[in-house]
């Protein structure tokens, strides 16, 4: 991977070369398939939440991740936009749940 420059000075990290990017992407996709097999073997369940604006590029990331996974065990579900009342009601419980993960 490319080394990141010091961001305190406002410098951006160097852009990866296409060949390097494709190589790293292939390596990560192999690791994803291994992880998928391990999760299935152990009988575990995993939920991945992509949150952000409609034009944030989530669709491309979701397609790229789910492409290599078996549709029998991996599901992609699009949730409707929550109402303002529901947004307020779900923020605190979500913070409580996410803060306990990994403890």
PDB file of N, CA and C in Angstrom:
ATOM      1  N   UNK A   1       0.839  -1.190   0.000  1.00  0.00           N
ATOM      2  CA  UNK A   1       0.000   0.000   0.000  1.00  0.00           C
ATOM      3  C   UNK A   1       0.878   1.245   0.000  1.00  0.00           C
ATOM      4  N   UNK A   2       0.290   2.351  -0.397  1.00  0.00           N
ATOM      5  CA  UNK A   2       1.039   3.589  -0.428  1.00  0.00           C
ATOM      6  C   UNK A   2       1.177   4.140   0.977  1.00  0.00           C
ATOM      7  N   UNK A   3       2.260   4.845   1.180  1.00  0.00           N
ATOM      8  CA  UNK A   3       2.470   5.469   2.478  1.00  0.00           C
ATOM      9  C   UNK A   3       1.760   6.810   2.487  1.00  0.00           C
ATOM     10  N   UNK A   4       1.110   7.097   3.582  1.00  0.00           N
ATOM     11  CA  UNK A   4       0.379   8.354   3.688  1.00  0.00           C
ATOM     12  C   UNK A   4       1.324   9.450   4.176  1.00  0.00           C
ATOM     13  N   UNK A   5       1.173  10.620   3.605  1.00  0.00           N
ATOM     14  CA  UNK A   5       1.954  11.763   4.049  1.00  0.00           C
ATOM     15  C   UNK A   5       1.321  12.334   5.312  1.00  0.00           C
ATOM     16  N   UNK A   6       2.012  13.253   5.921  1.00  0.00           N
ATOM     17  CA  UNK A   6       1.520  13.910   7.119  1.00  0.00           C
ATOM     18  C   UNK A   6       0.304  14.762   6.764  1.00  0.00           C
ATOM     19  N   UNK A   7      -0.846  14.435   7.303  1.00  0.00           N
ATOM     20  CA  UNK A   7      -2.080  15.156   6.957  1.00  0.00           C
ATOM     21  C   UNK A   7      -2.222  16.461   7.732  1.00  0.00           C
ATOM     22  N   UNK A   8      -1.393  16.680   8.744  1.00  0.00           N
ATOM     23  CA  UNK A   8      -1.475  17.929   9.500  1.00  0.00           C
ATOM     24  C   UNK A   8      -1.134  19.121   8.617  1.00  0.00           C
ATOM     25  N   UNK A   9      -0.284  18.903   7.650  1.00  0.00           N
ATOM     26  CA  UNK A   9       0.111  19.979   6.746  1.00  0.00           C
ATOM     27  C   UNK A   9      -0.832  20.116   5.564  1.00  0.00           C
ATOM     28  N   UNK A  10      -1.906  19.339   5.533  1.00  0.00           N
ATOM     29  CA  UNK A  10      -2.860  19.416   4.447  1.00  0.00           C
ATOM     30  C   UNK A  10      -2.449  18.617   3.229  1.00  0.00           C
ATOM     31  N   UNK A  11      -1.388  17.828   3.333  1.00  0.00           N
ATOM     32  CA  UNK A  11      -0.950  17.004   2.213  1.00  0.00           C
ATOM     33  C   UNK A  11      -1.888  15.821   2.045  1.00  0.00           C
ATOM     34  N   UNK A  12      -2.120  15.462   0.816  1.00  0.00           N
ATOM     35  CA  UNK A  12      -2.950  14.293   0.532  1.00  0.00           C
ATOM     36  C   UNK A  12      -2.052  13.091   0.309  1.00  0.00           C
ATOM     37  N   UNK A  13      -2.581  11.890   0.604  1.00  0.00           N
ATOM     38  CA  UNK A  13      -1.781  10.696   0.317  1.00  0.00           C
ATOM     39  C   UNK A  13      -1.598  10.552  -1.194  1.00  0.00           C
ATOM     40  N   UNK A  14      -0.513   9.905  -1.567  1.00  0.00           N
ATOM     41  CA  UNK A  14      -0.262   9.695  -2.987  1.00  0.00           C
ATOM     42  C   UNK A  14      -1.297   8.750  -3.560  1.00  0.00           C
ATOM     43  N   UNK A  15      -1.680   9.002  -4.800  1.00  0.00           N
ATOM     44  CA  UNK A  15      -2.642   8.151  -5.474  1.00  0.00           C
ATOM     45  C   UNK A  15      -1.952   6.846  -5.868  1.00  0.00           C
ATOM     46  N   UNK A  16      -2.653   5.725  -5.643  1.00  0.00           N
ATOM     47  CA  UNK A  16      -2.088   4.423  -6.001  1.00  0.00           C
ATOM     48  C   UNK A  16      -2.064   4.275  -7.511  1.00  0.00           C
ATOM     49  N   UNK A  17      -1.053   3.601  -8.007  1.00  0.00           N
ATOM     50  CA  UNK A  17      -1.002   3.293  -9.427  1.00  0.00           C
ATOM     51  C   UNK A  17      -2.026   2.205  -9.712  1.00  0.00           C
ATOM     52  N   UNK A  18      -2.537   2.186 -10.932  1.00  0.00           N
ATOM     53  CA  UNK A  18      -3.605   1.262 -11.318  1.00  0.00           C
ATOM     54  C   UNK A  18      -3.229  -0.191 -11.050  1.00  0.00           C
ATOM     55  N   UNK A  19      -2.016  -0.568 -11.415  1.00  0.00           N
ATOM     56  CA  UNK A  19      -1.560  -1.951 -11.228  1.00  0.00           C
ATOM     57  C   UNK A  19      -1.503  -2.302  -9.735  1.00  0.00           C
ATOM     58  N   UNK A  20      -1.006  -1.371  -8.944  1.00  0.00           N
ATOM     59  CA  UNK A  20      -0.918  -1.575  -7.489  1.00  0.00           C
ATOM     60  C   UNK A  20      -2.315  -1.683  -6.876  1.00  0.00           C
ATOM     61  N   UNK A  21      -3.229  -0.830  -7.351  1.00  0.00           N
ATOM     62  CA  UNK A  21      -4.604  -0.851  -6.874  1.00  0.00           C
ATOM     63  C   UNK A  21      -5.276  -2.192  -7.182  1.00  0.00           C
ATOM     64  N   UNK A  22      -5.149  -2.646  -8.426  1.00  0.00           N
ATOM     65  CA  UNK A  22      -5.763  -3.918  -8.820  1.00  0.00           C
ATOM     66  C   UNK A  22      -5.181  -5.082  -8.024  1.00  0.00           C
ATOM     67  N   UNK A  23      -3.877  -5.054  -7.787  1.00  0.00           N
ATOM     68  CA  UNK A  23      -3.215  -6.111  -7.013  1.00  0.00           C
ATOM     69  C   UNK A  23      -3.727  -6.140  -5.569  1.00  0.00           C
ATOM     70  N   UNK A  24      -3.815  -4.974  -4.964  1.00  0.00           N
ATOM     71  CA  UNK A  24      -4.292  -4.880  -3.579  1.00  0.00           C
ATOM     72  C   UNK A  24      -5.763  -5.277  -3.492  1.00  0.00           C
ATOM     73  N   UNK A  25      -6.555  -4.866  -4.464  1.00  0.00           N
ATOM     74  CA  UNK A  25      -7.964  -5.211  -4.492  1.00  0.00           C
ATOM     75  C   UNK A  25      -8.161  -6.721  -4.621  1.00  0.00           C
ATOM     76  N   UNK A  26      -7.379  -7.358  -5.476  1.00  0.00           N
ATOM     77  CA  UNK A  26      -7.465  -8.816  -5.638  1.00  0.00           C
ATOM     78  C   UNK A  26      -7.109  -9.522  -4.329  1.00  0.00           C
ATOM     79  N   UNK A  27      -6.070  -9.032  -3.641  1.00  0.00           N
ATOM     80  CA  UNK A  27      -5.660  -9.624  -2.361  1.00  0.00           C
ATOM     81  C   UNK A  27      -6.772  -9.492  -1.328  1.00  0.00           C
ATOM     82  N   UNK A  28      -7.403  -8.327  -1.272  1.00  0.00           N
ATOM     83  CA  UNK A  28      -8.473  -8.102  -0.304  1.00  0.00           C
ATOM     84  C   UNK A  28      -9.718  -8.919  -0.628  1.00  0.00           C
ATOM     85  N   UNK A  29     -10.000  -9.112  -1.914  1.00  0.00           N
ATOM     86  CA  UNK A  29     -11.151  -9.932  -2.295  1.00  0.00           C
ATOM     87  C   UNK A  29     -10.936 -11.386  -1.897  1.00  0.00           C
ATOM     88  N   UNK A  30      -9.710 -11.880  -2.012  1.00  0.00           N
ATOM     89  CA  UNK A  30      -9.393 -13.243  -1.572  1.00  0.00           C
ATOM     90  C   UNK A  30      -9.597 -13.365  -0.064  1.00  0.00           C
ATOM     91  N   UNK A  31      -9.154 -12.358   0.682  1.00  0.00           N
ATOM     92  CA  UNK A  31      -9.335 -12.368   2.134  1.00  0.00           C
ATOM     93  C   UNK A  31     -10.824 -12.332   2.502  1.00  0.00           C
ATOM     94  N   UNK A  32     -11.613 -11.606   1.725  1.00  0.00           N
ATOM     95  CA  UNK A  32     -13.049 -11.544   1.973  1.00  0.00           C
ATOM     96  C   UNK A  32     -13.701 -12.910   1.787  1.00  0.00           C
ATOM     97  N   UNK A  33     -13.305 -13.623   0.749  1.00  0.00           N
ATOM     98  CA  UNK A  33     -13.853 -14.958   0.508  1.00  0.00           C
ATOM     99  C   UNK A  33     -13.432 -15.911   1.629  1.00  0.00           C
ATOM    100  N   UNK A  34     -12.192 -15.793   2.098  1.00  0.00           N
ATOM    101  CA  UNK A  34     -11.729 -16.617   3.228  1.00  0.00           C
ATOM    102  C   UNK A  34     -12.554 -16.313   4.483  1.00  0.00           C
ATOM    103  N   UNK A  35     -12.770 -15.024   4.734  1.00  0.00           N
ATOM    104  CA  UNK A  35     -13.567 -14.612   5.898  1.00  0.00           C
ATOM    105  C   UNK A  35     -14.989 -15.151   5.782  1.00  0.00           C
ATOM    106  N   UNK A  36     -15.556 -15.078   4.603  1.00  0.00           N
ATOM    107  CA  UNK A  36     -16.902 -15.582   4.346  1.00  0.00           C
ATOM    108  C   UNK A  36     -16.979 -17.069   4.675  1.00  0.00           C
ATOM    109  N   UNK A  37     -16.001 -17.845   4.225  1.00  0.00           N
ATOM    110  CA  UNK A  37     -15.968 -19.282   4.516  1.00  0.00           C
ATOM    111  C   UNK A  37     -15.835 -19.569   5.994  1.00  0.00           C
ATOM    112  N   UNK A  38     -14.992 -18.796   6.683  1.00  0.00           N
ATOM    113  CA  UNK A  38     -14.785 -18.988   8.117  1.00  0.00           C
ATOM    114  C   UNK A  38     -16.065 -18.681   8.894  1.00  0.00           C
ATOM    115  N   UNK A  39     -16.740 -17.583   8.534  1.00  0.00           N
ATOM    116  CA  UNK A  39     -17.986 -17.208   9.203  1.00  0.00           C
ATOM    117  C   UNK A  39     -19.043 -18.293   8.998  1.00  0.00           C
ATOM    118  N   UNK A  40     -19.131 -18.804   7.783  1.00  0.00           N
ATOM    119  CA  UNK A  40     -20.092 -19.866   7.482  1.00  0.00           C
ATOM    120  C   UNK A  40     -19.753 -21.138   8.261  1.00  0.00           C
ATOM    121  N   UNK A  41     -18.461 -21.487   8.305  1.00  0.00           N
ATOM    122  CA  UNK A  41     -18.013 -22.696   9.016  1.00  0.00           C
ATOM    123  C   UNK A  41     -18.327 -22.607  10.510  1.00  0.00           C
ATOM    124  N   UNK A  42     -18.119 -21.448  11.104  1.00  0.00           N
ATOM    125  CA  UNK A  42     -18.352 -21.252  12.540  1.00  0.00           C
ATOM    126  C   UNK A  42     -19.824 -21.038  12.871  1.00  0.00           C
ATOM    127  N   UNK A  43     -20.663 -20.845  11.865  1.00  0.00           N
ATOM    128  CA  UNK A  43     -22.084 -20.613  12.111  1.00  0.00           C
ATOM    129  C   UNK A  43     -22.375 -19.241  12.675  1.00  0.00           C
ATOM    130  N   UNK A  44     -21.514 -18.286  12.379  1.00  0.00           N
ATOM    131  CA  UNK A  44     -21.682 -16.927  12.895  1.00  0.00           C
ATOM    132  C   UNK A  44     -22.562 -16.109  11.961  1.00  0.00           C
ATOM    133  N   UNK A  45     -22.969 -14.949  12.446  1.00  0.00           N
ATOM    134  CA  UNK A  45     -23.729 -14.015  11.629  1.00  0.00           C
ATOM    135  C   UNK A  45     -23.042 -12.661  11.694  1.00  0.00           C
ATOM    136  N   UNK A  46     -23.041 -11.969  10.574  1.00  0.00           N
ATOM    137  CA  UNK A  46     -22.400 -10.659  10.493  1.00  0.00           C
ATOM    138  C   UNK A  46     -23.361  -9.695   9.824  1.00  0.00           C
ATOM    139  N   UNK A  47     -23.458  -8.509  10.373  1.00  0.00           N
ATOM    140  CA  UNK A  47     -24.259  -7.450   9.749  1.00  0.00           C
ATOM    141  C   UNK A  47     -23.320  -6.301   9.406  1.00  0.00           C
ATOM    142  N   UNK A  48     -23.396  -5.823   8.184  1.00  0.00           N
ATOM    143  CA  UNK A  48     -22.589  -4.688   7.743  1.00  0.00           C
ATOM    144  C   UNK A  48     -23.550  -3.584   7.356  1.00  0.00           C
ATOM    145  N   UNK A  49     -23.342  -2.414   7.913  1.00  0.00           N
ATOM    146  CA  UNK A  49     -24.231  -1.288   7.670  1.00  0.00           C
ATOM    147  C   UNK A  49     -23.474  -0.212   6.912  1.00  0.00           C
ATOM    148  N   UNK A  50     -23.981   0.163   5.746  1.00  0.00           N
ATOM    149  CA  UNK A  50     -23.425   1.262   4.972  1.00  0.00           C
ATOM    150  C   UNK A  50     -24.376   2.434   5.143  1.00  0.00           C
ATOM    151  N   UNK A  51     -23.866   3.505   5.702  1.00  0.00           N
ATOM    152  CA  UNK A  51     -24.719   4.646   5.980  1.00  0.00           C
ATOM    153  C   UNK A  51     -24.120   5.878   5.313  1.00  0.00           C
ATOM    154  N   UNK A  52     -24.971   6.694   4.736  1.00  0.00           N
ATOM    155  CA  UNK A  52     -24.499   7.920   4.103  1.00  0.00           C
ATOM    156  C   UNK A  52     -25.488   8.417   3.082  1.00  0.00           C
ATOM    157  N   UNK A  53     -25.146   9.508   2.454  1.00  0.00           N
ATOM    158  CA  UNK A  53     -26.025  10.101   1.438  1.00  0.00           C
ATOM    159  C   UNK A  53     -26.129   9.194   0.223  1.00  0.00           C
ATOM    160  N   UNK A  54     -27.170   9.404  -0.565  1.00  0.00           N
ATOM    161  CA  UNK A  54     -27.416   8.575  -1.740  1.00  0.00           C
ATOM    162  C   UNK A  54     -26.262   8.605  -2.733  1.00  0.00           C
ATOM    163  N   UNK A  55     -25.615   9.732  -2.880  1.00  0.00           N
ATOM    164  CA  UNK A  55     -24.557   9.858  -3.878  1.00  0.00           C
ATOM    165  C   UNK A  55     -23.162   9.617  -3.296  1.00  0.00           C
ATOM    166  N   UNK A  56     -23.072   8.940  -2.160  1.00  0.00           N
ATOM    167  CA  UNK A  56     -21.790   8.760  -1.483  1.00  0.00           C
ATOM    168  C   UNK A  56     -20.975   7.580  -2.017  1.00  0.00           C
ATOM    169  N   UNK A  57     -21.502   6.836  -2.983  1.00  0.00           N
ATOM    170  CA  UNK A  57     -20.755   5.720  -3.552  1.00  0.00           C
ATOM    171  C   UNK A  57     -20.951   4.399  -2.837  1.00  0.00           C
ATOM    172  N   UNK A  58     -21.953   4.325  -1.986  1.00  0.00           N
ATOM    173  CA  UNK A  58     -22.201   3.080  -1.253  1.00  0.00           C
ATOM    174  C   UNK A  58     -22.570   1.932  -2.179  1.00  0.00           C
ATOM    175  N   UNK A  59     -23.345   2.233  -3.213  1.00  0.00           N
ATOM    176  CA  UNK A  59     -23.807   1.187  -4.125  1.00  0.00           C
ATOM    177  C   UNK A  59     -22.659   0.440  -4.779  1.00  0.00           C
ATOM    178  N   UNK A  60     -21.654   1.169  -5.223  1.00  0.00           N
ATOM    179  CA  UNK A  60     -20.488   0.540  -5.847  1.00  0.00           C
ATOM    180  C   UNK A  60     -19.717  -0.314  -4.862  1.00  0.00           C
ATOM    181  N   UNK A  61     -19.577   0.171  -3.636  1.00  0.00           N
ATOM    182  CA  UNK A  61     -18.868  -0.599  -2.611  1.00  0.00           C
ATOM    183  C   UNK A  61     -19.631  -1.864  -2.249  1.00  0.00           C
ATOM    184  N   UNK A  62     -20.941  -1.748  -2.130  1.00  0.00           N
ATOM    185  CA  UNK A  62     -21.765  -2.910  -1.791  1.00  0.00           C
ATOM    186  C   UNK A  62     -21.706  -3.948  -2.902  1.00  0.00           C
ATOM    187  N   UNK A  63     -21.810  -3.504  -4.160  1.00  0.00           N
ATOM    188  CA  UNK A  63     -21.731  -4.437  -5.287  1.00  0.00           C
ATOM    189  C   UNK A  63     -20.374  -5.117  -5.333  1.00  0.00           C
ATOM    190  N   UNK A  64     -19.312  -4.348  -5.091  1.00  0.00           N
ATOM    191  CA  UNK A  64     -17.957  -4.906  -5.146  1.00  0.00           C
ATOM    192  C   UNK A  64     -17.765  -5.963  -4.054  1.00  0.00           C
ATOM    193  N   UNK A  65     -18.304  -5.725  -2.874  1.00  0.00           N
ATOM    194  CA  UNK A  65     -18.166  -6.675  -1.763  1.00  0.00           C
ATOM    195  C   UNK A  65     -19.038  -7.906  -1.982  1.00  0.00           C
ATOM    196  N   UNK A  66     -20.296  -7.699  -2.369  1.00  0.00           N
ATOM    197  CA  UNK A  66     -21.228  -8.819  -2.477  1.00  0.00           C
ATOM    198  C   UNK A  66     -21.015  -9.670  -3.730  1.00  0.00           C
ATOM    199  N   UNK A  67     -20.241  -9.182  -4.688  1.00  0.00           N
ATOM    200  CA  UNK A  67     -20.010  -9.909  -5.935  1.00  0.00           C
ATOM    201  C   UNK A  67     -19.411 -11.292  -5.691  1.00  0.00           C
ATOM    202  N   UNK A  68     -18.494 -11.399  -4.768  1.00  0.00           N
ATOM    203  CA  UNK A  68     -17.775 -12.652  -4.517  1.00  0.00           C
ATOM    204  C   UNK A  68     -18.440 -13.534  -3.478  1.00  0.00           C
ATOM    205  N   UNK A  69     -19.503 -13.062  -2.844  1.00  0.00           N
ATOM    206  CA  UNK A  69     -20.150 -13.826  -1.780  1.00  0.00           C
ATOM    207  C   UNK A  69     -21.318 -14.634  -2.329  1.00  0.00           C
ATOM    208  N   UNK A  70     -21.564 -15.770  -1.703  1.00  0.00           N
ATOM    209  CA  UNK A  70     -22.655 -16.641  -2.130  1.00  0.00           C
ATOM    210  C   UNK A  70     -24.003 -15.991  -1.811  1.00  0.00           C
ATOM    211  N   UNK A  71     -24.900 -15.892  -2.799  1.00  0.00           N
ATOM    212  CA  UNK A  71     -26.213 -15.296  -2.521  1.00  0.00           C
ATOM    213  C   UNK A  71     -27.070 -16.156  -1.601  1.00  0.00           C
ATOM    214  N   UNK A  72     -26.667 -17.404  -1.375  1.00  0.00           N
ATOM    215  CA  UNK A  72     -27.419 -18.258  -0.449  1.00  0.00           C
ATOM    216  C   UNK A  72     -27.225 -17.858   1.004  1.00  0.00           C
ATOM    217  N   UNK A  73     -26.101 -17.240   1.297  1.00  0.00           N
ATOM    218  CA  UNK A  73     -25.826 -16.874   2.685  1.00  0.00           C
ATOM    219  C   UNK A  73     -25.624 -15.380   2.893  1.00  0.00           C
ATOM    220  N   UNK A  74     -25.363 -14.622   1.834  1.00  0.00           N
ATOM    221  CA  UNK A  74     -25.157 -13.176   1.955  1.00  0.00           C
ATOM    222  C   UNK A  74     -26.329 -12.458   1.302  1.00  0.00           C
ATOM    223  N   UNK A  75     -26.934 -11.567   2.032  1.00  0.00           N
ATOM    224  CA  UNK A  75     -28.082 -10.832   1.513  1.00  0.00           C
ATOM    225  C   UNK A  75     -27.832  -9.327   1.583  1.00  0.00           C
ATOM    226  N   UNK A  76     -28.280  -8.636   0.573  1.00  0.00           N
ATOM    227  CA  UNK A  76     -28.210  -7.178   0.544  1.00  0.00           C
ATOM    228  C   UNK A  76     -29.637  -6.662   0.639  1.00  0.00           C
ATOM    229  N   UNK A  77     -29.865  -5.807   1.612  1.00  0.00           N
ATOM    230  CA  UNK A  77     -31.206  -5.276   1.843  1.00  0.00           C
ATOM    231  C   UNK A  77     -31.123  -3.755   1.857  1.00  0.00           C
ATOM    232  N   UNK A  78     -31.924  -3.107   1.052  1.00  0.00           N
ATOM    233  CA  UNK A  78     -31.994  -1.643   1.041  1.00  0.00           C
ATOM    234  C   UNK A  78     -33.142  -1.211   1.945  1.00  0.00           C
ATOM    235  N   UNK A  79     -32.808  -0.428   2.937  1.00  0.00           N
ATOM    236  CA  UNK A  79     -33.828   0.055   3.868  1.00  0.00           C
ATOM    237  C   UNK A  79     -34.337   1.410   3.407  1.00  0.00           C
ATOM    238  N   UNK A  80     -35.605   1.702   3.652  1.00  0.00           N
ATOM    239  CA  UNK A  80     -36.129   3.020   3.273  1.00  0.00           C
ATOM    240  C   UNK A  80     -35.539   4.108   4.164  1.00  0.00           C
ATOM    241  N   UNK A  81     -35.599   5.322   3.690  1.00  0.00           N
ATOM    242  CA  UNK A  81     -35.122   6.448   4.483  1.00  0.00           C
ATOM    243  C   UNK A  81     -36.009   6.599   5.707  1.00  0.00           C
ATOM    244  N   UNK A  82     -35.397   6.652   6.900  1.00  0.00           N
ATOM    245  CA  UNK A  82     -36.219   6.776   8.111  1.00  0.00           C
ATOM    246  C   UNK A  82     -36.843   8.168   8.217  1.00  0.00           C
ATOM    247  N   UNK A  83     -37.994   8.228   8.858  1.00  0.00           N
ATOM    248  CA  UNK A  83     -38.652   9.512   9.106  1.00  0.00           C
ATOM    249  C   UNK A  83     -37.862  10.274  10.163  1.00  0.00           C
ATOM    250  N   UNK A  84     -38.123  11.563  10.283  1.00  0.00           N
ATOM    251  CA  UNK A  84     -37.424  12.380  11.279  1.00  0.00           C
ATOM    252  C   UNK A  84     -37.642  11.848  12.694  1.00  0.00           C
ATOM    253  N   UNK A  85     -38.853  11.420  12.987  1.00  0.00           N
ATOM    254  CA  UNK A  85     -39.174  10.886  14.314  1.00  0.00           C
ATOM    255  C   UNK A  85     -38.381   9.612  14.585  1.00  0.00           C
ATOM    256  N   UNK A  86     -38.283   8.749  13.572  1.00  0.00           N
ATOM    257  CA  UNK A  86     -37.552   7.491  13.726  1.00  0.00           C
ATOM    258  C   UNK A  86     -36.049   7.731  13.833  1.00  0.00           C
ATOM    259  N   UNK A  87     -35.537   8.727  13.103  1.00  0.00           N
ATOM    260  CA  UNK A  87     -34.104   9.051  13.175  1.00  0.00           C
ATOM    261  C   UNK A  87     -33.699   9.388  14.598  1.00  0.00           C
ATOM    262  N   UNK A  88     -34.493  10.227  15.257  1.00  0.00           N
ATOM    263  CA  UNK A  88     -34.201  10.630  16.632  1.00  0.00           C
ATOM    264  C   UNK A  88     -34.301   9.422  17.555  1.00  0.00           C
ATOM    265  N   UNK A  89     -35.294   8.575  17.349  1.00  0.00           N
ATOM    266  CA  UNK A  89     -35.523   7.423  18.217  1.00  0.00           C
ATOM    267  C   UNK A  89     -34.434   6.369  18.070  1.00  0.00           C
ATOM    268  N   UNK A  90     -33.785   6.291  16.911  1.00  0.00           N
ATOM    269  CA  UNK A  90     -32.813   5.222  16.711  1.00  0.00           C
ATOM    270  C   UNK A  90     -31.375   5.632  16.978  1.00  0.00           C
ATOM    271  N   UNK A  91     -31.085   6.911  17.094  1.00  0.00           N
ATOM    272  CA  UNK A  91     -29.706   7.352  17.286  1.00  0.00           C
ATOM    273  C   UNK A  91     -29.142   6.861  18.612  1.00  0.00           C
ATOM    274  N   UNK A  92     -29.833   7.102  19.719  1.00  0.00           N
ATOM    275  CA  UNK A  92     -29.319   6.704  21.024  1.00  0.00           C
ATOM    276  C   UNK A  92     -29.159   5.187  21.164  1.00  0.00           C
ATOM    277  N   UNK A  93     -30.181   4.369  20.805  1.00  0.00           N
ATOM    278  CA  UNK A  93     -29.989   2.911  20.900  1.00  0.00           C
ATOM    279  C   UNK A  93     -28.856   2.414  20.010  1.00  0.00           C
ATOM    280  N   UNK A  94     -28.690   3.009  18.834  1.00  0.00           N
ATOM    281  CA  UNK A  94     -27.609   2.586  17.939  1.00  0.00           C
ATOM    282  C   UNK A  94     -26.253   2.874  18.566  1.00  0.00           C
ATOM    283  N   UNK A  95     -26.113   4.023  19.204  1.00  0.00           N
ATOM    284  CA  UNK A  95     -24.855   4.364  19.865  1.00  0.00           C
ATOM    285  C   UNK A  95     -24.588   3.390  21.004  1.00  0.00           C
ATOM    286  N   UNK A  96     -25.621   3.051  21.776  1.00  0.00           N
ATOM    287  CA  UNK A  96     -25.454   2.103  22.886  1.00  0.00           C
ATOM    288  C   UNK A  96     -25.025   0.728  22.386  1.00  0.00           C
ATOM    289  N   UNK A  97     -25.653   0.251  21.343  1.00  0.00           N
ATOM    290  CA  UNK A  97     -25.319  -1.077  20.793  1.00  0.00           C
ATOM    291  C   UNK A  97     -23.921  -1.092  20.210  1.00  0.00           C
ATOM    292  N   UNK A  98     -23.607  -0.089  19.390  1.00  0.00           N
ATOM    293  CA  UNK A  98     -22.297  -0.054  18.725  1.00  0.00           C
ATOM    294  C   UNK A  98     -21.160   0.171  19.724  1.00  0.00           C
ATOM    295  N   UNK A  99     -21.433   0.848  20.827  1.00  0.00           N
ATOM    296  CA  UNK A  99     -20.373   1.100  21.806  1.00  0.00           C
ATOM    297  C   UNK A  99     -20.027  -0.154  22.601  1.00  0.00           C
ATOM    298  N   UNK A 100     -20.923  -1.142  22.641  1.00  0.00           N
ATOM    299  CA  UNK A 100     -20.648  -2.377  23.405  1.00  0.00           C
ATOM    300  C   UNK A 100     -19.948  -3.432  22.563  1.00  0.00           C
ATOM    301  N   UNK A 101     -19.880  -3.242  21.259  1.00  0.00           N
ATOM    302  CA  UNK A 101     -19.240  -4.242  20.383  1.00  0.00           C
ATOM    303  C   UNK A 101     -17.749  -4.259  20.669  1.00  0.00           C
ATOM    304  N   UNK A 102     -17.215  -5.441  20.824  1.00  0.00           N
ATOM    305  CA  UNK A 102     -15.784  -5.597  21.044  1.00  0.00           C
ATOM    306  C   UNK A 102     -15.373  -5.588  22.500  1.00  0.00           C
ATOM    307  N   UNK A 103     -16.323  -5.461  23.378  1.00  0.00           N
ATOM    308  CA  UNK A 103     -15.969  -5.470  24.819  1.00  0.00           C
ATOM    309  C   UNK A 103     -15.985  -6.863  25.360  1.00  0.00           C
TER     310      UNK A 103
END
